Amino acid sequence: MDNTEAYNFSISNEDLLELCKHDDQDALRVLLRRHERPIYSLLYRILSNHEDAEEALAEVFVKVWRSAARFKGESKFTTWLYRIASNTAKDFLRSRKSRRDVSIEDVVINELEIARRSDADMGDPSKKLMEADQRAGIIRAMNRLSETDRLLIALYHFQECEYDQISEITGIAPNNLKVRLFRARQRLRNLCVELEKVENNELRSSTTESTGVRQKSAESI
């Protein structure tokens, strides 16, 4: 019997996790449906790649299933879940160092895809594409941050977690967290400026080369 509809409206996260301890797969399905979007968003902000984020998302909920018995209720379920997701993302980042880096082409394509599929896509398409390009720039800069800096920015700015919850997720003391987050934001801001300058220089260089080729072609006619 499929209990997902009944569970979806009547049972708390903690009670669903308790059912997972007794091998109730419907309970896991409901947890996945409730939390897959915010967890996927966090993973994507850290990993900057849809395929990795989707693979990591699956791994997160496998870990939820296998670790259900270890949840003692000492923190909120969402804090526990974000901690699992954060550690999974870090593992993916470390394993990816031996593979290819995420290219800017991947980032732009991914962001344009999000813009097209967005629920808010009813607005001006050109504005949506511009926003996607801006997000791609931020994600490219985030790729150059440390694991911890990426995580702090993703949790605070994109997931809108409170300081106390971020402290529980990351293990960073509350009195150090604001300083760490401030410095991470500064580094991200500086990287965005630096990358924008590089891209503008590359664009000017490309335009100059293209103009030179056209002039030579015209002279040869």
N, C-alpha and C. Protein backbone atom coordinates (compact mmCIF):
# COMPACT_ATOMS: atom_id res chain seq x y z
N MET A 1 0.84 -1.20 0.00
CA MET A 1 0.00 0.00 0.00
C MET A 1 0.87 1.25 0.00
N ASP A 2 0.54 2.24 -0.85
CA ASP A 2 1.30 3.47 -0.95
C ASP A 2 0.77 4.48 0.07
N ASN A 3 1.64 4.84 1.02
CA ASN A 3 1.22 5.76 2.09
C ASN A 3 1.69 7.19 1.85
N THR A 4 2.28 7.48 0.68
CA THR A 4 2.92 8.78 0.49
C THR A 4 1.94 9.94 0.60
N GLU A 5 0.71 9.78 0.08
CA GLU A 5 -0.25 10.88 0.14
C GLU A 5 -0.62 11.20 1.58
N ALA A 6 -0.89 10.18 2.36
CA ALA A 6 -1.25 10.39 3.77
C ALA A 6 -0.09 10.99 4.55
N TYR A 7 1.11 10.47 4.31
CA TYR A 7 2.29 10.97 5.02
C TYR A 7 2.56 12.43 4.68
N ASN A 8 2.34 12.79 3.44
CA ASN A 8 2.75 14.10 2.97
C ASN A 8 2.11 15.23 3.74
N PHE A 9 0.91 15.04 4.23
CA PHE A 9 0.19 16.12 4.88
C PHE A 9 0.12 15.99 6.40
N SER A 10 0.39 14.82 6.91
CA SER A 10 0.06 14.60 8.32
C SER A 10 1.23 14.29 9.23
N ILE A 11 2.42 14.07 8.68
CA ILE A 11 3.51 13.58 9.51
C ILE A 11 4.72 14.51 9.44
N SER A 12 5.32 14.76 10.59
CA SER A 12 6.50 15.63 10.66
C SER A 12 7.72 14.94 10.05
N ASN A 13 8.75 15.76 9.78
CA ASN A 13 10.00 15.20 9.26
C ASN A 13 10.59 14.17 10.22
N GLU A 14 10.55 14.50 11.51
CA GLU A 14 11.13 13.61 12.51
C GLU A 14 10.39 12.27 12.57
N ASP A 15 9.07 12.34 12.46
CA ASP A 15 8.29 11.09 12.48
C ASP A 15 8.52 10.27 11.22
N LEU A 16 8.68 10.95 10.10
CA LEU A 16 9.00 10.24 8.85
C LEU A 16 10.35 9.54 8.96
N LEU A 17 11.30 10.22 9.59
CA LEU A 17 12.61 9.61 9.77
C LEU A 17 12.52 8.40 10.69
N GLU A 18 11.67 8.50 11.68
CA GLU A 18 11.45 7.36 12.58
C GLU A 18 10.91 6.16 11.79
N LEU A 19 10.02 6.43 10.83
CA LEU A 19 9.49 5.36 9.98
C LEU A 19 10.58 4.78 9.08
N CYS A 20 11.50 5.64 8.66
CA CYS A 20 12.63 5.15 7.84
C CYS A 20 13.46 4.14 8.61
N LYS A 21 13.55 4.33 9.92
CA LYS A 21 14.31 3.38 10.75
C LYS A 21 13.71 1.98 10.67
N HIS A 22 12.42 1.93 10.34
CA HIS A 22 11.72 0.64 10.25
C HIS A 22 11.49 0.24 8.79
N ASP A 23 12.38 0.73 7.93
CA ASP A 23 12.39 0.34 6.51
C ASP A 23 11.13 0.74 5.75
N ASP A 24 10.55 1.89 6.12
CA ASP A 24 9.37 2.38 5.41
C ASP A 24 9.84 3.28 4.25
N GLN A 25 9.84 2.73 3.04
CA GLN A 25 10.34 3.47 1.88
C GLN A 25 9.41 4.61 1.48
N ASP A 26 8.12 4.50 1.77
CA ASP A 26 7.20 5.60 1.48
C ASP A 26 7.58 6.84 2.28
N ALA A 27 8.03 6.64 3.50
CA ALA A 27 8.45 7.77 4.34
C ALA A 27 9.65 8.47 3.71
N LEU A 28 10.58 7.69 3.18
CA LEU A 28 11.75 8.29 2.51
C LEU A 28 11.32 9.06 1.27
N ARG A 29 10.37 8.53 0.52
CA ARG A 29 9.89 9.22 -0.68
C ARG A 29 9.29 10.59 -0.33
N VAL A 30 8.56 10.64 0.77
CA VAL A 30 7.95 11.91 1.19
C VAL A 30 9.03 12.90 1.61
N LEU A 31 10.03 12.44 2.35
CA LEU A 31 11.14 13.32 2.72
C LEU A 31 11.85 13.86 1.49
N LEU A 32 12.04 12.99 0.51
CA LEU A 32 12.69 13.41 -0.73
C LEU A 32 11.86 14.49 -1.43
N ARG A 33 10.56 14.27 -1.54
CA ARG A 33 9.70 15.25 -2.21
C ARG A 33 9.68 16.58 -1.47
N ARG A 34 9.71 16.52 -0.15
CA ARG A 34 9.67 17.76 0.64
C ARG A 34 10.95 18.58 0.50
N HIS A 35 12.06 17.89 0.43
CA HIS A 35 13.34 18.60 0.60
C HIS A 35 14.26 18.56 -0.61
N GLU A 36 13.87 17.90 -1.69
CA GLU A 36 14.81 17.76 -2.80
C GLU A 36 15.17 19.11 -3.43
N ARG A 37 14.22 20.04 -3.52
CA ARG A 37 14.53 21.32 -4.18
C ARG A 37 15.54 22.15 -3.40
N PRO A 38 15.33 22.41 -2.09
CA PRO A 38 16.34 23.19 -1.37
C PRO A 38 17.69 22.48 -1.27
N ILE A 39 17.68 21.15 -1.12
CA ILE A 39 18.95 20.43 -1.03
C ILE A 39 19.66 20.45 -2.38
N TYR A 40 18.91 20.26 -3.45
CA TYR A 40 19.52 20.34 -4.78
C TYR A 40 20.11 21.73 -5.01
N SER A 41 19.37 22.77 -4.61
CA SER A 41 19.86 24.14 -4.77
C SER A 41 21.18 24.34 -4.04
N LEU A 42 21.27 23.86 -2.81
CA LEU A 42 22.52 23.97 -2.05
C LEU A 42 23.65 23.24 -2.76
N LEU A 43 23.40 22.02 -3.19
CA LEU A 43 24.43 21.21 -3.85
C LEU A 43 24.89 21.87 -5.14
N TYR A 44 23.95 22.42 -5.89
CA TYR A 44 24.33 23.05 -7.15
C TYR A 44 25.17 24.30 -6.90
N ARG A 45 24.82 25.08 -5.88
CA ARG A 45 25.59 26.30 -5.58
C ARG A 45 27.02 25.95 -5.20
N ILE A 46 27.22 24.80 -4.60
CA ILE A 46 28.57 24.40 -4.20
C ILE A 46 29.30 23.71 -5.34
N LEU A 47 28.61 22.85 -6.08
CA LEU A 47 29.25 22.02 -7.10
C LEU A 47 29.23 22.65 -8.49
N SER A 48 28.30 23.57 -8.74
CA SER A 48 28.23 24.31 -10.01
C SER A 48 28.05 23.42 -11.23
N ASN A 49 27.42 22.28 -11.04
CA ASN A 49 27.26 21.35 -12.14
C ASN A 49 26.02 20.51 -11.89
N HIS A 50 25.11 20.47 -12.86
CA HIS A 50 23.84 19.78 -12.66
C HIS A 50 24.02 18.28 -12.46
N GLU A 51 24.87 17.66 -13.25
CA GLU A 51 25.04 16.21 -13.14
C GLU A 51 25.58 15.83 -11.76
N ASP A 52 26.60 16.57 -11.30
CA ASP A 52 27.16 16.29 -9.97
C ASP A 52 26.13 16.56 -8.88
N ALA A 53 25.37 17.66 -9.04
CA ALA A 53 24.37 18.00 -8.02
C ALA A 53 23.28 16.93 -7.94
N GLU A 54 22.86 16.42 -9.08
CA GLU A 54 21.83 15.38 -9.09
C GLU A 54 22.36 14.08 -8.48
N GLU A 55 23.61 13.75 -8.83
CA GLU A 55 24.22 12.54 -8.26
C GLU A 55 24.39 12.68 -6.75
N ALA A 56 24.83 13.86 -6.33
CA ALA A 56 25.01 14.12 -4.90
C ALA A 56 23.67 14.10 -4.17
N LEU A 57 22.62 14.62 -4.81
CA LEU A 57 21.29 14.61 -4.21
C LEU A 57 20.84 13.19 -3.90
N ALA A 58 21.04 12.30 -4.86
CA ALA A 58 20.67 10.90 -4.64
C ALA A 58 21.47 10.31 -3.48
N GLU A 59 22.76 10.65 -3.44
CA GLU A 59 23.61 10.12 -2.37
C GLU A 59 23.18 10.64 -1.00
N VAL A 60 22.77 11.91 -0.96
CA VAL A 60 22.31 12.50 0.31
C VAL A 60 21.15 11.69 0.89
N PHE A 61 20.17 11.36 0.06
CA PHE A 61 18.99 10.67 0.58
C PHE A 61 19.25 9.18 0.83
N VAL A 62 20.24 8.63 0.16
CA VAL A 62 20.69 7.28 0.53
C VAL A 62 21.30 7.33 1.93
N LYS A 63 22.07 8.38 2.21
CA LYS A 63 22.68 8.54 3.53
C LYS A 63 21.61 8.78 4.59
N VAL A 64 20.58 9.54 4.24
CA VAL A 64 19.46 9.76 5.17
C VAL A 64 18.85 8.42 5.56
N TRP A 65 18.62 7.58 4.57
CA TRP A 65 18.04 6.25 4.81
C TRP A 65 18.93 5.40 5.71
N ARG A 66 20.22 5.40 5.40
CA ARG A 66 21.15 4.55 6.14
C ARG A 66 21.49 5.10 7.52
N SER A 67 21.35 6.43 7.67
CA SER A 67 21.75 7.06 8.94
C SER A 67 20.57 7.40 9.83
N ALA A 68 19.38 7.02 9.43
CA ALA A 68 18.18 7.39 10.19
C ALA A 68 18.27 6.99 11.66
N ALA A 69 18.82 5.82 11.91
CA ALA A 69 18.90 5.33 13.29
C ALA A 69 19.83 6.17 14.15
N ARG A 70 20.73 6.94 13.51
CA ARG A 70 21.68 7.74 14.27
C ARG A 70 21.16 9.14 14.59
N PHE A 71 20.00 9.48 14.05
CA PHE A 71 19.41 10.79 14.35
C PHE A 71 18.80 10.75 15.75
N LYS A 72 19.31 11.59 16.63
CA LYS A 72 18.88 11.57 18.04
C LYS A 72 17.97 12.74 18.41
N GLY A 73 17.68 13.60 17.44
CA GLY A 73 16.81 14.73 17.74
C GLY A 73 17.50 15.85 18.49
N GLU A 74 18.83 15.85 18.52
CA GLU A 74 19.55 16.90 19.24
C GLU A 74 19.58 18.20 18.45
N SER A 75 19.32 18.12 17.15
CA SER A 75 19.18 19.31 16.30
C SER A 75 17.92 19.12 15.47
N LYS A 76 17.52 20.19 14.77
CA LYS A 76 16.36 20.06 13.89
C LYS A 76 16.68 19.11 12.74
N PHE A 77 15.65 18.48 12.21
CA PHE A 77 15.86 17.56 11.09
C PHE A 77 16.53 18.28 9.93
N THR A 78 16.08 19.51 9.62
CA THR A 78 16.65 20.22 8.47
C THR A 78 18.13 20.53 8.68
N THR A 79 18.52 20.83 9.91
CA THR A 79 19.93 21.07 10.20
C THR A 79 20.74 19.80 9.96
N TRP A 80 20.23 18.69 10.44
CA TRP A 80 20.88 17.39 10.23
C TRP A 80 20.99 17.08 8.74
N LEU A 81 19.92 17.36 8.00
CA LEU A 81 19.90 17.08 6.56
C LEU A 81 20.90 17.97 5.82
N TYR A 82 20.94 19.25 6.16
CA TYR A 82 21.90 20.15 5.52
C TYR A 82 23.34 19.74 5.83
N ARG A 83 23.56 19.23 7.03
CA ARG A 83 24.91 18.78 7.38
C ARG A 83 25.32 17.60 6.49
N ILE A 84 24.40 16.66 6.28
CA ILE A 84 24.68 15.54 5.39
C ILE A 84 24.96 16.05 3.98
N ALA A 85 24.14 16.98 3.51
CA ALA A 85 24.31 17.53 2.15
C ALA A 85 25.64 18.27 2.02
N SER A 86 26.00 19.03 3.05
CA SER A 86 27.25 19.79 3.01
C SER A 86 28.46 18.86 2.95
N ASN A 87 28.45 17.83 3.77
CA ASN A 87 29.56 16.87 3.76
C ASN A 87 29.63 16.11 2.45
N THR A 88 28.47 15.79 1.89
CA THR A 88 28.44 15.09 0.59
C THR A 88 29.01 15.98 -0.50
N ALA A 89 28.65 17.26 -0.49
CA ALA A 89 29.18 18.20 -1.49
C ALA A 89 30.69 18.32 -1.37
N LYS A 90 31.19 18.38 -0.15
CA LYS A 90 32.64 18.46 0.05
C LYS A 90 33.34 17.22 -0.50
N ASP A 91 32.75 16.06 -0.27
CA ASP A 91 33.32 14.82 -0.81
C ASP A 91 33.38 14.86 -2.33
N PHE A 92 32.32 15.39 -2.94
CA PHE A 92 32.30 15.49 -4.40
C PHE A 92 33.36 16.46 -4.90
N LEU A 93 33.55 17.57 -4.20
CA LEU A 93 34.56 18.54 -4.61
C LEU A 93 35.95 17.92 -4.56
N ARG A 94 36.21 17.16 -3.51
CA ARG A 94 37.53 16.53 -3.38
C ARG A 94 37.75 15.48 -4.46
N SER A 95 36.72 14.69 -4.75
CA SER A 95 36.87 13.65 -5.77
C SER A 95 36.99 14.27 -7.16
N ARG A 96 36.39 15.44 -7.33
CA ARG A 96 36.40 16.09 -8.64
C ARG A 96 37.76 16.69 -8.98
N LYS A 97 38.59 16.90 -7.97
CA LYS A 97 39.91 17.46 -8.23
C LYS A 97 40.74 16.55 -9.13
N SER A 98 40.42 15.26 -9.11
CA SER A 98 41.14 14.32 -9.96
C SER A 98 40.46 14.18 -11.32
N ARG A 99 39.31 14.88 -11.47
CA ARG A 99 38.62 14.86 -12.75
C ARG A 99 38.71 16.24 -13.38
N ARG A 100 37.82 16.53 -14.33
CA ARG A 100 37.88 17.82 -14.99
C ARG A 100 37.30 18.91 -14.10
N ASP A 101 37.76 20.16 -14.29
CA ASP A 101 37.14 21.29 -13.65
C ASP A 101 35.88 21.65 -14.42
N VAL A 102 34.96 22.32 -13.73
CA VAL A 102 33.74 22.75 -14.41
C VAL A 102 34.07 23.96 -15.27
N SER A 103 33.77 23.88 -16.56
CA SER A 103 34.08 24.98 -17.47
C SER A 103 33.00 26.04 -17.39
N ILE A 104 33.34 27.26 -17.82
CA ILE A 104 32.35 28.33 -17.83
C ILE A 104 31.22 28.00 -18.80
N GLU A 105 31.55 27.24 -19.87
CA GLU A 105 30.50 26.84 -20.81
C GLU A 105 29.43 26.00 -20.11
N ASP A 106 29.89 25.07 -19.25
CA ASP A 106 28.94 24.24 -18.49
C ASP A 106 28.05 25.11 -17.62
N VAL A 107 28.68 26.08 -16.94
CA VAL A 107 27.94 26.93 -16.02
C VAL A 107 26.89 27.74 -16.76
N VAL A 108 27.29 28.37 -17.88
CA VAL A 108 26.35 29.20 -18.63
C VAL A 108 25.20 28.37 -19.17
N ILE A 109 25.52 27.21 -19.76
CA ILE A 109 24.47 26.34 -20.30
C ILE A 109 23.50 25.92 -19.20
N ASN A 110 24.05 25.56 -18.04
CA ASN A 110 23.20 25.15 -16.92
C ASN A 110 22.28 26.27 -16.46
N GLU A 111 22.85 27.49 -16.37
CA GLU A 111 22.06 28.62 -15.89
C GLU A 111 20.99 29.03 -16.90
N LEU A 112 21.32 28.98 -18.18
CA LEU A 112 20.32 29.30 -19.20
C LEU A 112 19.18 28.29 -19.16
N GLU A 113 19.53 27.04 -18.89
CA GLU A 113 18.50 25.99 -18.79
C GLU A 113 17.58 26.27 -17.62
N ILE A 114 18.17 26.69 -16.50
CA ILE A 114 17.36 27.03 -15.32
C ILE A 114 16.42 28.19 -15.65
N ALA A 115 16.96 29.20 -16.35
CA ALA A 115 16.15 30.37 -16.68
C ALA A 115 14.96 29.99 -17.56
N ARG A 116 15.19 29.08 -18.48
CA ARG A 116 14.11 28.68 -19.38
C ARG A 116 13.05 27.86 -18.65
N ARG A 117 13.49 27.05 -17.67
CA ARG A 117 12.56 26.15 -16.98
C ARG A 117 11.92 26.80 -15.76
N SER A 118 12.38 27.99 -15.40
CA SER A 118 11.94 28.62 -14.16
C SER A 118 10.43 28.86 -14.16
N ASP A 119 9.85 28.72 -12.97
CA ASP A 119 8.41 29.01 -12.84
C ASP A 119 8.11 30.47 -13.15
N ALA A 120 9.12 31.31 -12.96
CA ALA A 120 8.93 32.75 -13.18
C ALA A 120 9.24 33.15 -14.61
N ASP A 121 9.33 32.20 -15.49
CA ASP A 121 9.74 32.46 -16.87
C ASP A 121 8.69 33.22 -17.66
N MET A 122 7.56 33.54 -17.05
CA MET A 122 6.51 34.25 -17.74
C MET A 122 6.91 35.70 -17.99
N GLY A 123 7.97 36.17 -17.35
CA GLY A 123 8.42 37.54 -17.51
C GLY A 123 9.20 37.74 -18.79
N ASP A 124 9.92 38.87 -18.85
CA ASP A 124 10.70 39.24 -20.02
C ASP A 124 11.83 38.23 -20.24
N PRO A 125 11.85 37.52 -21.38
CA PRO A 125 12.89 36.51 -21.62
C PRO A 125 14.30 37.08 -21.61
N SER A 126 14.48 38.29 -22.17
CA SER A 126 15.82 38.89 -22.20
C SER A 126 16.31 39.20 -20.80
N LYS A 127 15.39 39.61 -19.93
CA LYS A 127 15.76 39.88 -18.54
C LYS A 127 16.17 38.60 -17.84
N LYS A 128 15.44 37.50 -18.12
CA LYS A 128 15.77 36.22 -17.51
C LYS A 128 17.15 35.75 -17.94
N LEU A 129 17.47 35.92 -19.22
CA LEU A 129 18.77 35.49 -19.71
C LEU A 129 19.89 36.34 -19.11
N MET A 130 19.61 37.63 -18.91
CA MET A 130 20.61 38.50 -18.29
C MET A 130 20.86 38.07 -16.84
N GLU A 131 19.78 37.74 -16.13
CA GLU A 131 19.92 37.26 -14.76
C GLU A 131 20.70 35.95 -14.72
N ALA A 132 20.45 35.08 -15.69
CA ALA A 132 21.17 33.81 -15.76
C ALA A 132 22.65 34.05 -15.98
N ASP A 133 22.98 35.03 -16.81
CA ASP A 133 24.38 35.36 -17.08
C ASP A 133 25.06 35.89 -15.82
N GLN A 134 24.33 36.71 -15.05
CA GLN A 134 24.87 37.24 -13.79
C GLN A 134 25.10 36.12 -12.79
N ARG A 135 24.16 35.18 -12.71
CA ARG A 135 24.33 34.05 -11.80
C ARG A 135 25.53 33.21 -12.22
N ALA A 136 25.70 33.04 -13.53
CA ALA A 136 26.84 32.26 -14.02
C ALA A 136 28.15 32.90 -13.59
N GLY A 137 28.20 34.25 -13.61
CA GLY A 137 29.41 34.94 -13.17
C GLY A 137 29.69 34.71 -11.70
N ILE A 138 28.64 34.74 -10.88
CA ILE A 138 28.80 34.50 -9.45
C ILE A 138 29.27 33.08 -9.19
N ILE A 139 28.67 32.12 -9.91
CA ILE A 139 29.04 30.72 -9.71
C ILE A 139 30.47 30.47 -10.15
N ARG A 140 30.88 31.11 -11.24
CA ARG A 140 32.26 30.96 -11.69
C ARG A 140 33.23 31.48 -10.62
N ALA A 141 32.87 32.60 -10.01
CA ALA A 141 33.71 33.14 -8.93
C ALA A 141 33.70 32.20 -7.72
N MET A 142 32.53 31.64 -7.40
CA MET A 142 32.44 30.72 -6.27
C MET A 142 33.30 29.49 -6.47
N ASN A 143 33.50 29.09 -7.73
CA ASN A 143 34.35 27.93 -8.01
C ASN A 143 35.78 28.12 -7.52
N ARG A 144 36.17 29.39 -7.34
CA ARG A 144 37.54 29.70 -6.91
C ARG A 144 37.66 29.86 -5.40
N LEU A 145 36.54 29.80 -4.71
CA LEU A 145 36.57 29.90 -3.25
C LEU A 145 36.90 28.54 -2.64
N SER A 146 37.27 28.58 -1.37
CA SER A 146 37.49 27.33 -0.64
C SER A 146 36.16 26.63 -0.40
N GLU A 147 36.24 25.35 -0.04
CA GLU A 147 35.02 24.58 0.25
C GLU A 147 34.17 25.27 1.32
N THR A 148 34.83 25.72 2.38
CA THR A 148 34.10 26.32 3.50
C THR A 148 33.45 27.63 3.10
N ASP A 149 34.18 28.47 2.34
CA ASP A 149 33.61 29.74 1.89
C ASP A 149 32.39 29.52 1.00
N ARG A 150 32.48 28.56 0.10
CA ARG A 150 31.34 28.24 -0.77
C ARG A 150 30.13 27.84 0.07
N LEU A 151 30.39 26.97 1.03
CA LEU A 151 29.30 26.45 1.86
C LEU A 151 28.64 27.57 2.66
N LEU A 152 29.44 28.44 3.26
CA LEU A 152 28.89 29.53 4.07
C LEU A 152 28.01 30.45 3.23
N ILE A 153 28.50 30.81 2.05
CA ILE A 153 27.73 31.71 1.18
C ILE A 153 26.46 31.03 0.70
N ALA A 154 26.56 29.76 0.33
CA ALA A 154 25.38 29.03 -0.15
C ALA A 154 24.32 28.92 0.94
N LEU A 155 24.75 28.59 2.16
CA LEU A 155 23.79 28.42 3.26
C LEU A 155 23.14 29.74 3.64
N TYR A 156 23.94 30.80 3.72
CA TYR A 156 23.41 32.08 4.21
C TYR A 156 22.61 32.82 3.14
N HIS A 157 23.17 32.94 1.95
CA HIS A 157 22.56 33.79 0.93
C HIS A 157 21.53 33.05 0.08
N PHE A 158 21.80 31.80 -0.25
CA PHE A 158 20.89 31.08 -1.16
C PHE A 158 19.85 30.26 -0.40
N GLN A 159 20.27 29.64 0.71
CA GLN A 159 19.32 28.84 1.50
C GLN A 159 18.67 29.64 2.62
N GLU A 160 19.23 30.83 2.89
CA GLU A 160 18.68 31.75 3.90
C GLU A 160 18.61 31.11 5.28
N CYS A 161 19.64 30.35 5.62
CA CYS A 161 19.72 29.76 6.96
C CYS A 161 20.13 30.82 7.98
N GLU A 162 19.67 30.66 9.21
CA GLU A 162 20.06 31.55 10.30
C GLU A 162 21.46 31.19 10.78
N TYR A 163 22.09 32.15 11.47
CA TYR A 163 23.46 31.94 11.95
C TYR A 163 23.56 30.70 12.85
N ASP A 164 22.60 30.54 13.75
CA ASP A 164 22.65 29.40 14.67
C ASP A 164 22.61 28.07 13.91
N GLN A 165 21.77 28.02 12.87
CA GLN A 165 21.66 26.79 12.10
C GLN A 165 22.94 26.53 11.31
N ILE A 166 23.51 27.59 10.72
CA ILE A 166 24.77 27.44 9.97
C ILE A 166 25.87 26.96 10.90
N SER A 167 25.88 27.48 12.11
CA SER A 167 26.88 27.06 13.09
C SER A 167 26.76 25.57 13.38
N GLU A 168 25.53 25.09 13.54
CA GLU A 168 25.32 23.66 13.79
C GLU A 168 25.72 22.81 12.59
N ILE A 169 25.43 23.30 11.39
CA ILE A 169 25.74 22.54 10.18
C ILE A 169 27.24 22.44 9.96
N THR A 170 27.94 23.56 10.14
CA THR A 170 29.36 23.63 9.79
C THR A 170 30.31 23.33 10.94
N GLY A 171 29.80 23.48 12.18
CA GLY A 171 30.67 23.30 13.34
C GLY A 171 31.51 24.52 13.66
N ILE A 172 31.23 25.65 12.98
CA ILE A 172 31.95 26.90 13.25
C ILE A 172 31.26 27.62 14.39
N ALA A 173 32.03 28.04 15.39
CA ALA A 173 31.46 28.70 16.55
C ALA A 173 30.72 29.97 16.13
N PRO A 174 29.57 30.26 16.76
CA PRO A 174 28.77 31.42 16.37
C PRO A 174 29.54 32.73 16.38
N ASN A 175 30.44 32.90 17.37
CA ASN A 175 31.18 34.16 17.45
C ASN A 175 32.21 34.31 16.34
N ASN A 176 32.58 33.20 15.69
CA ASN A 176 33.51 33.27 14.56
C ASN A 176 32.78 33.29 13.22
N LEU A 177 31.53 32.88 13.23
CA LEU A 177 30.81 32.68 11.97
C LEU A 177 30.61 33.97 11.19
N LYS A 178 30.21 35.04 11.87
CA LYS A 178 29.96 36.30 11.17
C LYS A 178 31.23 36.82 10.51
N VAL A 179 32.36 36.67 11.21
CA VAL A 179 33.64 37.12 10.64
C VAL A 179 34.00 36.27 9.43
N ARG A 180 33.84 34.95 9.55
CA ARG A 180 34.17 34.05 8.44
C ARG A 180 33.28 34.34 7.23
N LEU A 181 32.00 34.58 7.49
CA LEU A 181 31.07 34.85 6.40
C LEU A 181 31.39 36.19 5.74
N PHE A 182 31.72 37.19 6.55
CA PHE A 182 32.07 38.51 6.01
C PHE A 182 33.29 38.41 5.09
N ARG A 183 34.29 37.67 5.53
CA ARG A 183 35.50 37.52 4.72
C ARG A 183 35.22 36.71 3.45
N ALA A 184 34.37 35.70 3.56
CA ALA A 184 34.01 34.91 2.38
C ALA A 184 33.30 35.79 1.35
N ARG A 185 32.42 36.66 1.81
CA ARG A 185 31.71 37.56 0.90
C ARG A 185 32.66 38.54 0.25
N GLN A 186 33.63 39.03 1.03
CA GLN A 186 34.63 39.93 0.46
C GLN A 186 35.43 39.25 -0.64
N ARG A 187 35.86 38.02 -0.35
CA ARG A 187 36.63 37.27 -1.36
C ARG A 187 35.80 37.03 -2.62
N LEU A 188 34.53 36.69 -2.43
CA LEU A 188 33.66 36.47 -3.58
C LEU A 188 33.50 37.75 -4.39
N ARG A 189 33.29 38.86 -3.71
CA ARG A 189 33.12 40.14 -4.40
C ARG A 189 34.38 40.49 -5.19
N ASN A 190 35.54 40.30 -4.58
CA ASN A 190 36.80 40.61 -5.27
C ASN A 190 37.00 39.71 -6.49
N LEU A 191 36.65 38.43 -6.35
CA LEU A 191 36.78 37.50 -7.48
C LEU A 191 35.84 37.87 -8.62
N CYS A 192 34.62 38.30 -8.28
CA CYS A 192 33.67 38.71 -9.32
C CYS A 192 34.22 39.90 -10.11
N VAL A 193 34.79 40.87 -9.39
CA VAL A 193 35.38 42.04 -10.06
C VAL A 193 36.56 41.62 -10.93
N GLU A 194 37.41 40.77 -10.38
CA GLU A 194 38.59 40.30 -11.12
C GLU A 194 38.19 39.54 -12.39
N LEU A 195 37.23 38.63 -12.28
CA LEU A 195 36.80 37.85 -13.44
C LEU A 195 36.11 38.73 -14.48
N GLU A 196 35.37 39.73 -14.01
CA GLU A 196 34.71 40.63 -14.96
C GLU A 196 35.74 41.42 -15.76
N LYS A 197 36.82 41.84 -15.10
CA LYS A 197 37.89 42.56 -15.80
C LYS A 197 38.54 41.66 -16.85
N VAL A 198 38.82 40.41 -16.46
CA VAL A 198 39.44 39.46 -17.40
C VAL A 198 38.54 39.24 -18.60
N GLU A 199 37.24 39.04 -18.35
CA GLU A 199 36.30 38.80 -19.45
C GLU A 199 36.18 40.01 -20.35
N ASN A 200 36.18 41.22 -19.77
CA ASN A 200 36.11 42.44 -20.58
C ASN A 200 37.35 42.59 -21.45
N ASN A 201 38.52 42.27 -20.87
CA ASN A 201 39.77 42.35 -21.64
C ASN A 201 39.76 41.34 -22.78
N GLU A 202 39.27 40.12 -22.49
CA GLU A 202 39.19 39.10 -23.54
C GLU A 202 38.23 39.52 -24.65
N LEU A 203 37.12 40.17 -24.25
CA LEU A 203 36.15 40.62 -25.23
C LEU A 203 36.74 41.71 -26.12
N ARG A 204 37.47 42.67 -25.49
CA ARG A 204 38.10 43.73 -26.27
C ARG A 204 39.14 43.16 -27.23
N SER A 205 39.92 42.20 -26.72
CA SER A 205 40.95 41.58 -27.55
C SER A 205 40.32 40.85 -28.73
N SER A 206 39.24 40.12 -28.46
CA SER A 206 38.55 39.38 -29.51
C SER A 206 37.97 40.32 -30.55
N THR A 207 37.40 41.45 -30.09
CA THR A 207 36.82 42.43 -31.00
C THR A 207 37.88 43.06 -31.88
N THR A 208 39.05 43.37 -31.27
CA THR A 208 40.15 43.97 -32.02
C THR A 208 40.66 43.03 -33.10
N GLU A 209 40.82 41.75 -32.74
CA GLU A 209 41.29 40.75 -33.70
C GLU A 209 40.29 40.59 -34.84
N SER A 210 39.01 40.56 -34.50
CA SER A 210 37.97 40.40 -35.51
C SER A 210 37.95 41.58 -36.47
N THR A 211 38.13 42.80 -35.92
CA THR A 211 38.16 44.01 -36.75
C THR A 211 39.34 43.97 -37.70
N GLY A 212 40.49 43.53 -37.18
CA GLY A 212 41.69 43.43 -38.01
C GLY A 212 41.52 42.47 -39.16
N VAL A 213 40.88 41.34 -38.91
CA VAL A 213 40.64 40.34 -39.96
C VAL A 213 39.73 40.92 -41.03
N ARG A 214 38.68 41.64 -40.61
CA ARG A 214 37.75 42.22 -41.58
C ARG A 214 38.44 43.27 -42.44
N GLN A 215 39.33 44.07 -41.81
CA GLN A 215 40.04 45.09 -42.57
C GLN A 215 40.95 44.47 -43.62
N LYS A 216 41.66 43.40 -43.24
CA LYS A 216 42.54 42.71 -44.19
C LYS A 216 41.74 42.12 -45.34
N SER A 217 40.58 41.56 -45.01
CA SER A 217 39.73 40.97 -46.04
C SER A 217 39.24 42.04 -47.01
N ALA A 218 38.89 43.20 -46.46
CA ALA A 218 38.41 44.30 -47.31
C ALA A 218 39.51 44.81 -48.22
N GLU A 219 40.74 44.88 -47.68
CA GLU A 219 41.86 45.37 -48.47
C GLU A 219 42.21 44.44 -49.62
N SER A 220 41.93 43.15 -49.43
CA SER A 220 42.29 42.17 -50.45
C SER A 220 41.28 42.10 -51.59
N ILE A 221 40.12 42.76 -51.40
CA ILE A 221 39.08 42.71 -52.44
C ILE A 221 39.43 43.67 -53.57
